[in-house]
C-alpha atoms as a PDB file:
ATOM      1  CA  MET A   1     -20.753   5.859  32.693  1.00  0.00           C
ATOM      2  CA  SER A   2     -21.919   3.934  29.623  1.00  0.00           C
ATOM      3  CA  LEU A   3     -25.008   4.818  27.603  1.00  0.00           C
ATOM      4  CA  GLY A   4     -26.687   2.569  25.097  1.00  0.00           C
ATOM      5  CA  PHE A   5     -29.996   1.319  23.746  1.00  0.00           C
ATOM      6  CA  VAL A   6     -31.754  -1.943  22.908  1.00  0.00           C
ATOM      7  CA  ASP A   7     -34.385  -2.693  20.330  1.00  0.00           C
ATOM      8  CA  ARG A   8     -37.959  -3.106  21.471  1.00  0.00           C
ATOM      9  CA  TYR A   9     -38.746  -6.680  22.557  1.00  0.00           C
ATOM     10  CA  GLU A  10     -42.328  -7.926  22.488  1.00  0.00           C
ATOM     11  CA  GLY A  11     -41.765 -11.419  23.910  1.00  0.00           C
ATOM     12  CA  THR A  12     -41.814 -12.663  27.497  1.00  0.00           C
ATOM     13  CA  GLY A  13     -39.100 -11.792  30.007  1.00  0.00           C
ATOM     14  CA  THR A  14     -37.682 -13.656  32.988  1.00  0.00           C
ATOM     15  CA  ALA A  15     -36.053 -12.138  36.061  1.00  0.00           C
ATOM     16  CA  VAL A  16     -32.996 -14.007  37.383  1.00  0.00           C
ATOM     17  CA  THR A  17     -30.812 -13.536  40.428  1.00  0.00           C
ATOM     18  CA  THR A  18     -27.056 -13.065  40.383  1.00  0.00           C
ATOM     19  CA  GLU A  19     -26.559 -16.713  41.423  1.00  0.00           C
ATOM     20  CA  GLN A  20     -28.821 -17.961  38.631  1.00  0.00           C
ATOM     21  CA  TRP A  21     -27.034 -15.768  36.094  1.00  0.00           C
ATOM     22  CA  GLN A  22     -23.638 -17.160  37.150  1.00  0.00           C
ATOM     23  CA  ALA A  23     -25.024 -20.675  36.952  1.00  0.00           C
ATOM     24  CA  LEU A  24     -25.674 -20.106  33.264  1.00  0.00           C
ATOM     25  CA  GLY A  25     -21.910 -20.068  32.741  1.00  0.00           C
ATOM     26  CA  THR A  26     -21.247 -16.337  32.742  1.00  0.00           C
ATOM     27  CA  ASN A  27     -18.939 -14.389  35.018  1.00  0.00           C
ATOM     28  CA  GLY A  28     -21.531 -11.692  35.726  1.00  0.00           C
ATOM     29  CA  THR A  29     -19.825  -9.077  33.557  1.00  0.00           C
ATOM     30  CA  PRO A  30     -20.694  -8.162  29.986  1.00  0.00           C
ATOM     31  CA  THR A  31     -18.430  -9.458  27.267  1.00  0.00           C
ATOM     32  CA  GLN A  32     -16.246  -6.757  25.728  1.00  0.00           C
ATOM     33  CA  ALA A  33     -14.537  -6.841  22.397  1.00  0.00           C
ATOM     34  CA  PRO A  34     -10.740  -6.601  22.340  1.00  0.00           C
ATOM     35  CA  GLU A  35      -9.447  -3.048  22.331  1.00  0.00           C
ATOM     36  CA  ASP A  36      -7.902  -3.464  18.907  1.00  0.00           C
ATOM     37  CA  SER A  37     -10.881  -5.264  17.339  1.00  0.00           C
ATOM     38  CA  ASP A  38     -11.926  -2.153  15.425  1.00  0.00           C
ATOM     39  CA  ASN A  39      -8.414  -1.816  14.005  1.00  0.00           C
ATOM     40  CA  ARG A  40      -8.328  -5.303  12.517  1.00  0.00           C
ATOM     41  CA  PRO A  41      -9.052  -5.464   8.811  1.00  0.00           C
ATOM     42  CA  HIS A  42     -12.235  -7.061   7.566  1.00  0.00           C
ATOM     43  CA  ILE A  43     -10.958 -10.243   5.935  1.00  0.00           C
ATOM     44  CA  TYR A  44     -13.156 -12.961   4.468  1.00  0.00           C
ATOM     45  CA  THR A  45     -11.701 -16.189   5.888  1.00  0.00           C
ATOM     46  CA  GLU A  46     -14.441 -18.697   5.090  1.00  0.00           C
ATOM     47  CA  ASN A  47     -12.391 -20.233   2.278  1.00  0.00           C
ATOM     48  CA  VAL A  48      -9.117 -20.203   4.230  1.00  0.00           C
ATOM     49  CA  PRO A  49      -8.071 -23.731   5.294  1.00  0.00           C
ATOM     50  CA  GLU A  50      -7.999 -24.280   9.051  1.00  0.00           C
ATOM     51  CA  ARG A  51      -4.267 -25.039   9.011  1.00  0.00           C
ATOM     52  CA  PHE A  52      -3.573 -21.559   7.622  1.00  0.00           C
ATOM     53  CA  LYS A  53      -5.869 -19.446   9.819  1.00  0.00           C
ATOM     54  CA  ALA A  54      -3.428 -19.323  12.736  1.00  0.00           C
ATOM     55  CA  ARG A  55      -0.645 -18.151  10.415  1.00  0.00           C
ATOM     56  CA  LEU A  56      -2.996 -15.579   8.884  1.00  0.00           C
ATOM     57  CA  ASP A  57      -3.871 -14.181  12.314  1.00  0.00           C
ATOM     58  CA  GLU A  58      -0.177 -14.007  13.169  1.00  0.00           C
ATOM     59  CA  LEU A  59       0.550 -12.140   9.929  1.00  0.00           C
ATOM     60  CA  ILE A  60      -2.276  -9.678  10.566  1.00  0.00           C
ATOM     61  CA  GLU A  61      -1.118  -9.058  14.122  1.00  0.00           C
ATOM     62  CA  LYS A  62       2.464  -8.525  12.988  1.00  0.00           C
ATOM     63  CA  HIS A  63       1.486  -5.798  10.513  1.00  0.00           C
ATOM     64  CA  TYR A  64      -1.399  -4.250  12.449  1.00  0.00           C
ATOM     65  CA  LYS A  65      -0.032  -0.720  11.903  1.00  0.00           C
ATOM     66  CA  LEU A  66      -0.941  -0.974   8.225  1.00  0.00           C
ATOM     67  CA  TRP A  67      -4.636  -0.495   9.008  1.00  0.00           C
ATOM     68  CA  ASP A  68      -4.729   1.560  12.211  1.00  0.00           C
ATOM     69  CA  GLY A  69      -5.941   4.569  10.217  1.00  0.00           C
ATOM     70  CA  SER A  70      -2.736   6.626  10.395  1.00  0.00           C
ATOM     71  CA  LEU A  71      -0.738   7.757   7.377  1.00  0.00           C
ATOM     72  CA  GLY A  72       2.809   6.586   6.893  1.00  0.00           C
ATOM     73  CA  LEU A  73       5.618   8.738   5.533  1.00  0.00           C
ATOM     74  CA  ILE A  74       8.142   7.735   2.890  1.00  0.00           C
ATOM     75  CA  LYS A  75      11.335   9.580   3.723  1.00  0.00           C
ATOM     76  CA  ALA A  76      13.382   8.106   0.880  1.00  0.00           C
ATOM     77  CA  THR A  77      12.160  10.708  -1.602  1.00  0.00           C
ATOM     78  CA  GLU A  78      10.083  13.870  -1.880  1.00  0.00           C
ATOM     79  CA  HIS A  79       8.172  15.553  -4.666  1.00  0.00           C
ATOM     80  CA  ARG A  80       9.899  18.471  -6.356  1.00  0.00           C
ATOM     81  CA  ILE A  81       8.332  20.963  -8.786  1.00  0.00           C
ATOM     82  CA  LYS A  82      10.749  22.543 -11.264  1.00  0.00           C
ATOM     83  CA  LEU A  83       9.274  25.466 -13.192  1.00  0.00           C
ATOM     84  CA  LYS A  84      10.123  26.291 -16.782  1.00  0.00           C
ATOM     85  CA  PRO A  85      12.355  29.350 -17.274  1.00  0.00           C
ATOM     86  CA  GLY A  86      10.367  32.566 -17.205  1.00  0.00           C
ATOM     87  CA  ALA A  87       7.252  31.008 -15.659  1.00  0.00           C
ATOM     88  CA  LYS A  88       5.141  33.525 -13.773  1.00  0.00           C
ATOM     89  CA  PRO A  89       2.766  32.805 -10.875  1.00  0.00           C
ATOM     90  CA  VAL A  90      -0.869  32.098 -11.714  1.00  0.00           C
ATOM     91  CA  ARG A  91      -3.562  32.865  -9.136  1.00  0.00           C
ATOM     92  CA  LEU A  92      -7.082  31.944 -10.203  1.00  0.00           C
ATOM     93  CA  ASN A  93     -10.374  32.605  -8.464  1.00  0.00           C
ATOM     94  CA  PRO A  94     -12.534  29.782  -7.093  1.00  0.00           C
ATOM     95  CA  TYR A  95     -15.142  28.430  -9.476  1.00  0.00           C
ATOM     96  CA  GLN A  96     -18.774  29.356  -8.900  1.00  0.00           C
ATOM     97  CA  MET A  97     -20.520  26.743  -6.741  1.00  0.00           C
ATOM     98  CA  GLY A  98     -23.786  26.328  -4.887  1.00  0.00           C
ATOM     99  CA  PRO A  99     -24.243  25.902  -1.125  1.00  0.00           C
ATOM    100  CA  ARG A 100     -24.197  22.074  -1.255  1.00  0.00           C
ATOM    101  CA  SER A 101     -20.966  21.988  -3.270  1.00  0.00           C
ATOM    102  CA  ARG A 102     -19.354  24.472  -0.886  1.00  0.00           C
ATOM    103  CA  GLU A 103     -20.317  22.276   2.051  1.00  0.00           C
ATOM    104  CA  LYS A 104     -18.750  19.223   0.382  1.00  0.00           C
ATOM    105  CA  ILE A 105     -15.536  21.155  -0.215  1.00  0.00           C
ATOM    106  CA  ARG A 106     -15.466  22.372   3.366  1.00  0.00           C
ATOM    107  CA  GLU A 107     -15.856  18.799   4.647  1.00  0.00           C
ATOM    108  CA  GLN A 108     -13.051  17.609   2.399  1.00  0.00           C
ATOM    109  CA  VAL A 109     -10.775  20.458   3.518  1.00  0.00           C
ATOM    110  CA  ASP A 110     -11.442  19.552   7.159  1.00  0.00           C
ATOM    111  CA  LYS A 111     -10.725  15.909   6.340  1.00  0.00           C
ATOM    112  CA  MET A 112      -7.320  16.792   4.854  1.00  0.00           C
ATOM    113  CA  THR A 113      -6.456  19.230   7.636  1.00  0.00           C
ATOM    114  CA  GLN A 114      -6.811  16.692  10.448  1.00  0.00           C
ATOM    115  CA  PRO A 115      -4.081  14.263   9.230  1.00  0.00           C
ATOM    116  CA  ASP A 116      -1.817  17.234   8.387  1.00  0.00           C
ATOM    117  CA  VAL A 117      -2.081  16.765   4.630  1.00  0.00           C
ATOM    118  CA  ILE A 118      -2.633  20.487   3.958  1.00  0.00           C
ATOM    119  CA  GLU A 119      -1.959  23.749   5.744  1.00  0.00           C
ATOM    120  CA  PRO A 120      -3.109  27.392   5.304  1.00  0.00           C
ATOM    121  CA  SER A 121      -1.236  29.332   2.633  1.00  0.00           C
ATOM    122  CA  SER A 122      -0.769  32.903   1.433  1.00  0.00           C
ATOM    123  CA  SER A 123       1.066  31.973  -1.762  1.00  0.00           C
ATOM    124  CA  GLU A 124       0.860  34.029  -4.933  1.00  0.00           C
ATOM    125  CA  TRP A 125      -0.049  30.777  -6.692  1.00  0.00           C
ATOM    126  CA  ALA A 126      -3.611  29.410  -6.500  1.00  0.00           C
ATOM    127  CA  SER A 127      -5.454  26.682  -8.388  1.00  0.00           C
ATOM    128  CA  PRO A 128      -9.248  26.249  -8.160  1.00  0.00           C
ATOM    129  CA  ILE A 129     -11.216  23.237  -6.941  1.00  0.00           C
ATOM    130  CA  VAL A 130     -13.431  21.020  -9.120  1.00  0.00           C
ATOM    131  CA  LEU A 131     -15.998  18.493  -7.853  1.00  0.00           C
ATOM    132  CA  VAL A 132     -16.266  15.571 -10.285  1.00  0.00           C
ATOM    133  CA  PRO A 133     -19.339  13.298  -9.951  1.00  0.00           C
ATOM    134  CA  LYS A 134     -18.617   9.610  -9.274  1.00  0.00           C
ATOM    135  CA  LEU A 135     -20.685   6.611 -10.324  1.00  0.00           C
ATOM    136  CA  ASP A 136     -21.886   5.989  -6.776  1.00  0.00           C
ATOM    137  CA  GLY A 137     -23.397   9.481  -6.571  1.00  0.00           C
ATOM    138  CA  SER A 138     -20.640  11.023  -4.460  1.00  0.00           C
ATOM    139  CA  SER A 139     -18.189  13.690  -5.636  1.00  0.00           C
ATOM    140  CA  ARG A 140     -14.445  13.520  -6.158  1.00  0.00           C
ATOM    141  CA  PHE A 141     -12.406  16.436  -4.809  1.00  0.00           C
ATOM    142  CA  CYS A 142     -10.009  17.548  -7.559  1.00  0.00           C
ATOM    143  CA  ILE A 143      -7.550  20.417  -7.830  1.00  0.00           C
ATOM    144  CA  ASP A 144      -7.309  21.993 -11.280  1.00  0.00           C
ATOM    145  CA  TYR A 145      -3.522  22.130 -11.680  1.00  0.00           C
ATOM    146  CA  ARG A 146      -3.603  22.618 -15.466  1.00  0.00           C
ATOM    147  CA  GLN A 147      -2.024  26.073 -15.340  1.00  0.00           C
ATOM    148  CA  LEU A 148       0.741  24.874 -13.013  1.00  0.00           C
ATOM    149  CA  ASN A 149       1.372  21.760 -15.102  1.00  0.00           C
ATOM    150  CA  GLU A 150       1.840  23.849 -18.246  1.00  0.00           C
ATOM    151  CA  ARG A 151       4.666  25.690 -16.467  1.00  0.00           C
ATOM    152  CA  THR A 152       6.300  22.582 -14.975  1.00  0.00           C
ATOM    153  CA  VAL A 153       9.290  20.720 -16.401  1.00  0.00           C
ATOM    154  CA  ARG A 154       8.233  17.094 -16.950  1.00  0.00           C
ATOM    155  CA  ASP A 155       9.932  14.279 -15.047  1.00  0.00           C
ATOM    156  CA  ALA A 156      11.236  11.555 -17.392  1.00  0.00           C
ATOM    157  CA  TYR A 157      11.310   8.805 -14.742  1.00  0.00           C
ATOM    158  CA  PRO A 158      10.013   5.618 -16.471  1.00  0.00           C
ATOM    159  CA  LEU A 159       6.616   4.190 -15.520  1.00  0.00           C
ATOM    160  CA  PRO A 160       5.795   0.464 -15.789  1.00  0.00           C
ATOM    161  CA  ARG A 161       4.445  -0.695 -19.133  1.00  0.00           C
ATOM    162  CA  MET A 162       1.109  -2.467 -18.864  1.00  0.00           C
ATOM    163  CA  ASP A 163       2.073  -5.145 -21.398  1.00  0.00           C
ATOM    164  CA  ASP A 164       5.209  -5.931 -19.390  1.00  0.00           C
ATOM    165  CA  CYS A 165       3.123  -6.208 -16.218  1.00  0.00           C
ATOM    166  CA  LEU A 166       0.746  -8.643 -17.908  1.00  0.00           C
ATOM    167  CA  ASP A 167       3.590 -10.688 -19.396  1.00  0.00           C
ATOM    168  CA  SER A 168       5.195 -11.053 -15.952  1.00  0.00           C
ATOM    169  CA  LEU A 169       2.100 -12.952 -14.768  1.00  0.00           C
ATOM    170  CA  GLY A 170       2.754 -15.791 -17.173  1.00  0.00           C
ATOM    171  CA  GLY A 171       3.033 -19.145 -15.409  1.00  0.00           C
ATOM    172  CA  ALA A 172       1.481 -17.897 -12.156  1.00  0.00           C
ATOM    173  CA  TYR A 173      -1.540 -19.661 -10.628  1.00  0.00           C
ATOM    174  CA  PHE A 174      -2.326 -17.311  -7.733  1.00  0.00           C
ATOM    175  CA  PHE A 175      -2.691 -13.543  -8.036  1.00  0.00           C
ATOM    176  CA  SER A 176      -2.781 -10.838  -5.384  1.00  0.00           C
ATOM    177  CA  THR A 177      -3.698  -7.180  -5.757  1.00  0.00           C
ATOM    178  CA  LEU A 178      -2.559  -4.487  -3.357  1.00  0.00           C
ATOM    179  CA  ASP A 179      -4.101  -1.035  -3.200  1.00  0.00           C
ATOM    180  CA  CYS A 180      -2.146   1.605  -1.304  1.00  0.00           C
ATOM    181  CA  ASN A 181      -4.170   3.422   1.340  1.00  0.00           C
ATOM    182  CA  ALA A 182      -3.817   7.087   0.346  1.00  0.00           C
ATOM    183  CA  GLY A 183      -0.477   6.281  -1.269  1.00  0.00           C
ATOM    184  CA  TYR A 184       0.154   9.805  -2.539  1.00  0.00           C
ATOM    185  CA  TRP A 185      -0.480  11.224   0.925  1.00  0.00           C
ATOM    186  CA  GLN A 186       2.529   9.312   2.241  1.00  0.00           C
ATOM    187  CA  ILE A 187       5.044  11.181   0.061  1.00  0.00           C
ATOM    188  CA  PRO A 188       6.088  14.668   1.252  1.00  0.00           C
ATOM    189  CA  VAL A 189       6.249  17.713  -0.991  1.00  0.00           C
ATOM    190  CA  ALA A 190       9.567  19.581  -0.803  1.00  0.00           C
ATOM    191  CA  LEU A 191       9.276  22.461   1.655  1.00  0.00           C
ATOM    192  CA  GLU A 192      10.431  25.069  -0.874  1.00  0.00           C
ATOM    193  CA  ASP A 193       7.847  23.871  -3.447  1.00  0.00           C
ATOM    194  CA  ARG A 194       4.747  23.627  -1.264  1.00  0.00           C
ATOM    195  CA  HIS A 195       3.584  27.133  -2.136  1.00  0.00           C
ATOM    196  CA  LEU A 196       3.184  26.020  -5.763  1.00  0.00           C
ATOM    197  CA  THR A 197       0.549  23.451  -4.760  1.00  0.00           C
ATOM    198  CA  THR A 198      -1.761  26.080  -3.224  1.00  0.00           C
ATOM    199  CA  PHE A 199      -5.445  25.664  -4.039  1.00  0.00           C
ATOM    200  CA  ILE A 200      -8.219  28.175  -3.477  1.00  0.00           C
ATOM    201  CA  CYS A 201     -11.821  27.628  -2.445  1.00  0.00           C
ATOM    202  CA  HIS A 202     -14.541  29.481  -0.587  1.00  0.00           C
ATOM    203  CA  SER A 203     -13.043  28.226   2.695  1.00  0.00           C
ATOM    204  CA  GLY A 204      -9.667  29.891   2.031  1.00  0.00           C
ATOM    205  CA  THR A 205      -6.321  29.019   0.457  1.00  0.00           C
ATOM    206  CA  PHE A 206      -4.298  25.959   1.426  1.00  0.00           C
ATOM    207  CA  GLN A 207      -1.052  24.358   0.303  1.00  0.00           C
ATOM    208  CA  CYS A 208      -0.217  20.656   0.268  1.00  0.00           C
ATOM    209  CA  LYS A 209       2.381  19.233   2.632  1.00  0.00           C
ATOM    210  CA  LEU A 210       1.903  15.776   1.104  1.00  0.00           C
ATOM    211  CA  LEU A 211       1.684  14.826  -2.548  1.00  0.00           C
ATOM    212  CA  PRO A 212      -1.711  15.792  -4.054  1.00  0.00           C
ATOM    213  CA  PHE A 213      -3.452  14.331  -7.079  1.00  0.00           C
ATOM    214  CA  GLY A 214      -3.401  16.256 -10.339  1.00  0.00           C
ATOM    215  CA  LEU A 215       0.270  17.226 -10.599  1.00  0.00           C
ATOM    216  CA  CYS A 216       1.828  16.129 -13.884  1.00  0.00           C
ATOM    217  CA  ASN A 217       4.898  14.593 -12.224  1.00  0.00           C
ATOM    218  CA  ALA A 218       3.061  12.923  -9.333  1.00  0.00           C
ATOM    219  CA  PRO A 219       2.974   9.430 -10.980  1.00  0.00           C
ATOM    220  CA  ALA A 220       6.728   9.566 -11.611  1.00  0.00           C
ATOM    221  CA  THR A 221       7.439  10.536  -7.998  1.00  0.00           C
ATOM    222  CA  PHE A 222       5.177   7.783  -6.682  1.00  0.00           C
ATOM    223  CA  GLN A 223       6.818   5.139  -8.919  1.00  0.00           C
ATOM    224  CA  GLN A 224      10.263   6.301  -7.822  1.00  0.00           C
ATOM    225  CA  ALA A 225       9.224   5.964  -4.175  1.00  0.00           C
ATOM    226  CA  ILE A 226       7.942   2.434  -4.806  1.00  0.00           C
ATOM    227  CA  ASP A 227      11.183   1.425  -6.548  1.00  0.00           C
ATOM    228  CA  MET A 228      13.345   2.900  -3.777  1.00  0.00           C
ATOM    229  CA  LYS A 229      11.387   1.138  -1.030  1.00  0.00           C
ATOM    230  CA  GLU A 230      11.635  -2.265  -2.701  1.00  0.00           C
ATOM    231  CA  GLY A 231      14.005  -4.562  -0.808  1.00  0.00           C
ATOM    232  CA  LYS A 232      16.810  -6.549  -2.370  1.00  0.00           C
ATOM    233  CA  TYR A 233      16.000  -9.974  -3.805  1.00  0.00           C
ATOM    234  CA  ILE A 234      18.178 -13.081  -3.430  1.00  0.00           C
ATOM    235  CA  ILE A 235      17.907 -16.453  -5.182  1.00  0.00           C
ATOM    236  CA  ALA A 236      18.745 -19.341  -2.825  1.00  0.00           C
ATOM    237  CA  VAL A 237      19.581 -22.802  -4.192  1.00  0.00           C
ATOM    238  CA  ASP A 238      19.913 -25.900  -1.981  1.00  0.00           C
ATOM    239  CA  ALA A 239      21.069 -29.103  -3.693  1.00  0.00           C
ATOM    240  CA  SER A 240      21.446 -32.680  -2.396  1.00  0.00           C
ATOM    241  CA  TYR A 241      22.149 -36.007  -4.048  1.00  0.00           C
ATOM    242  CA  ASP A 242      18.681 -36.406  -5.539  1.00  0.00           C
ATOM    243  CA  GLN A 243      16.791 -33.213  -4.718  1.00  0.00           C
ATOM    244  CA  LEU A 244      17.022 -29.556  -5.627  1.00  0.00           C
ATOM    245  CA  GLY A 245      15.290 -26.793  -3.701  1.00  0.00           C
ATOM    246  CA  CYS A 246      15.075 -23.187  -4.868  1.00  0.00           C
ATOM    247  CA  SER A 247      13.554 -20.061  -3.346  1.00  0.00           C
ATOM    248  CA  VAL A 248      13.407 -16.280  -3.703  1.00  0.00           C
ATOM    249  CA  LEU A 249      13.987 -14.115  -0.613  1.00  0.00           C
ATOM    250  CA  GLN A 250      13.320 -10.399  -0.134  1.00  0.00           C
ATOM    251  CA  GLU A 251      15.189  -8.178   2.309  1.00  0.00           C
ATOM    252  CA  GLN A 252      13.055  -6.571   5.035  1.00  0.00           C
ATOM    253  CA  PRO A 253      13.702  -3.205   6.764  1.00  0.00           C
ATOM    254  CA  SER A 254      14.913  -5.160   9.824  1.00  0.00           C
ATOM    255  CA  GLY A 255      17.699  -6.724   7.749  1.00  0.00           C
ATOM    256  CA  GLU A 256      16.083 -10.159   7.735  1.00  0.00           C
ATOM    257  CA  TYR A 257      14.986 -11.946   4.567  1.00  0.00           C
ATOM    258  CA  HIS A 258      11.369 -12.951   3.940  1.00  0.00           C
ATOM    259  CA  LEU A 259      10.454 -15.958   1.789  1.00  0.00           C
ATOM    260  CA  VAL A 260       8.617 -14.846  -1.356  1.00  0.00           C
ATOM    261  CA  GLY A 261       8.305 -18.153  -3.214  1.00  0.00           C
ATOM    262  CA  SER A 262       9.905 -21.595  -3.371  1.00  0.00           C
ATOM    263  CA  PHE A 263       9.746 -24.943  -5.144  1.00  0.00           C
ATOM    264  CA  SER A 264      11.636 -28.263  -5.229  1.00  0.00           C
ATOM    265  CA  LYS A 265      12.074 -31.161  -7.636  1.00  0.00           C
ATOM    266  CA  GLY A 266      13.863 -34.441  -7.862  1.00  0.00           C
ATOM    267  CA  LEU A 267      16.929 -34.887 -10.039  1.00  0.00           C
ATOM    268  CA  THR A 268      16.814 -37.286 -12.979  1.00  0.00           C
ATOM    269  CA  PRO A 269      19.418 -40.080 -13.202  1.00  0.00           C
ATOM    270  CA  ALA A 270      21.308 -38.065 -15.825  1.00  0.00           C
ATOM    271  CA  GLU A 271      21.232 -34.899 -13.701  1.00  0.00           C
ATOM    272  CA  LYS A 272      22.640 -36.765 -10.701  1.00  0.00           C
ATOM    273  CA  ASN A 273      25.855 -37.214 -12.686  1.00  0.00           C
ATOM    274  CA  TYR A 274      26.279 -33.467 -13.145  1.00  0.00           C
ATOM    275  CA  THR A 275      29.024 -31.646 -11.317  1.00  0.00           C
ATOM    276  CA  VAL A 276      28.139 -29.615  -8.219  1.00  0.00           C
ATOM    277  CA  THR A 277      28.634 -26.355 -10.091  1.00  0.00           C
ATOM    278  CA  LYS A 278      26.397 -27.477 -12.946  1.00  0.00           C
ATOM    279  CA  ILE A 279      23.635 -28.590 -10.550  1.00  0.00           C
ATOM    280  CA  LYS A 280      23.697 -25.220  -8.798  1.00  0.00           C
ATOM    281  CA  GLY A 281      23.566 -23.446 -12.129  1.00  0.00           C
ATOM    282  CA  LEU A 282      20.654 -25.649 -13.105  1.00  0.00           C
ATOM    283  CA  GLY A 283      18.919 -24.594  -9.891  1.00  0.00           C
ATOM    284  CA  VAL A 284      19.314 -20.917 -10.774  1.00  0.00           C
ATOM    285  CA  VAL A 285      17.864 -21.524 -14.243  1.00  0.00           C
ATOM    286  CA  TRP A 286      14.910 -23.421 -12.775  1.00  0.00           C
ATOM    287  CA  THR A 287      14.313 -20.672 -10.212  1.00  0.00           C
ATOM    288  CA  VAL A 288      14.185 -17.980 -12.873  1.00  0.00           C
ATOM    289  CA  SER A 289      11.824 -20.148 -14.924  1.00  0.00           C
ATOM    290  CA  MET A 290       9.465 -21.228 -12.124  1.00  0.00           C
ATOM    291  CA  LEU A 291       9.455 -18.010 -10.082  1.00  0.00           C
ATOM    292  CA  ARG A 292       9.640 -15.602 -13.014  1.00  0.00           C
ATOM    293  CA  PRO A 293       6.566 -13.572 -11.933  1.00  0.00           C
ATOM    294  CA  TYR A 294       8.371 -12.652  -8.695  1.00  0.00           C
ATOM    295  CA  ILE A 295      11.722 -11.565 -10.079  1.00  0.00           C
ATOM    296  CA  GLU A 296      11.217 -10.443 -13.685  1.00  0.00           C
ATOM    297  CA  GLY A 297      11.868  -6.744 -14.047  1.00  0.00           C
ATOM    298  CA  ARG A 298      13.399  -6.434 -10.578  1.00  0.00           C
ATOM    299  CA  THR A 299      16.317  -4.043 -10.642  1.00  0.00           C
ATOM    300  CA  SER A 300      17.208  -4.939  -7.054  1.00  0.00           C
ATOM    301  CA  LEU A 301      18.236  -8.576  -7.613  1.00  0.00           C
ATOM    302  CA  TYR A 302      21.206  -8.737  -5.275  1.00  0.00           C
ATOM    303  CA  GLY A 303      22.778 -12.150  -5.775  1.00  0.00           C
ATOM    304  CA  VAL A 304      22.596 -15.914  -5.502  1.00  0.00           C
ATOM    305  CA  ILE A 305      23.156 -18.123  -2.439  1.00  0.00           C
ATOM    306  CA  THR A 306      23.935 -21.821  -2.979  1.00  0.00           C
ATOM    307  CA  ARG A 307      24.326 -24.681  -0.539  1.00  0.00           C
ATOM    308  CA  HIS A 308      25.177 -28.312  -1.252  1.00  0.00           C
ATOM    309  CA  CYS A 309      24.428 -31.242   1.069  1.00  0.00           C
ATOM    310  CA  GLY A 310      26.345 -34.506   0.698  1.00  0.00           C
ATOM    311  CA  GLY A 311      26.299 -37.106  -2.038  1.00  0.00           C
ATOM    312  CA  TYR A 312      29.513 -35.972  -3.752  1.00  0.00           C
END
């Protein structure tokens, strides 16, 4: 049985029979949205050319699991916490809070318990909770790991330099930004180190099964996971008598290669007299120059593929 409501209508109404209703072009049954309509992302497509909308829908359908609300799990790495020699457990009491703050913490704990981000703990370690006000009036749930961080050996894994990131955008005309959906919550904490992440509140004590915010080595672990998940890159060069095509391909988990970027240009009369090897080398140089934002700084550049078609 379905229950619903309609807004009050003060106009005139007309009673119609089933035959009259069908004559209006309906099939007599209410229109229902597709089952997966709620799982599709909200994308503004007004400025998308018509010739690209079909390809966009196909791309969205292919990667629908990215926005179905579930958390993924990166199995390539896990977060480890190495304590300094002689470090002793620290168990702090929860900070004093009013009824409204306690209710917010309880809601956040329930929210993290449902997707299996945290679990009950009886560890001898315990860090308190802090609610930090946000600009929109809401509160940010934070764990005060300062005592734990002081006793943790720092991870020296390199993080990207902002100036290098900005320099890599040189020559690009289109820019895309990607924001990971609960990115930290997709990296597991090592089973033997979970007790160190225990936090305490008025609802009890809980430890983190997935990477929490606030740990000093969390950014290094996240960057390492991103670098390990990045597929191999290949430069492909295709040369003919008067044309040169170049592209950059990225390896997918299925083993196939996805096109990242490409360009082509005609050869000048002088370049047409180059040897095949020199033309292919010229294609690699052009690819690095034109598609620099895609490949600069990539440590996973695997190799170069060349193909030559006729003319020599």
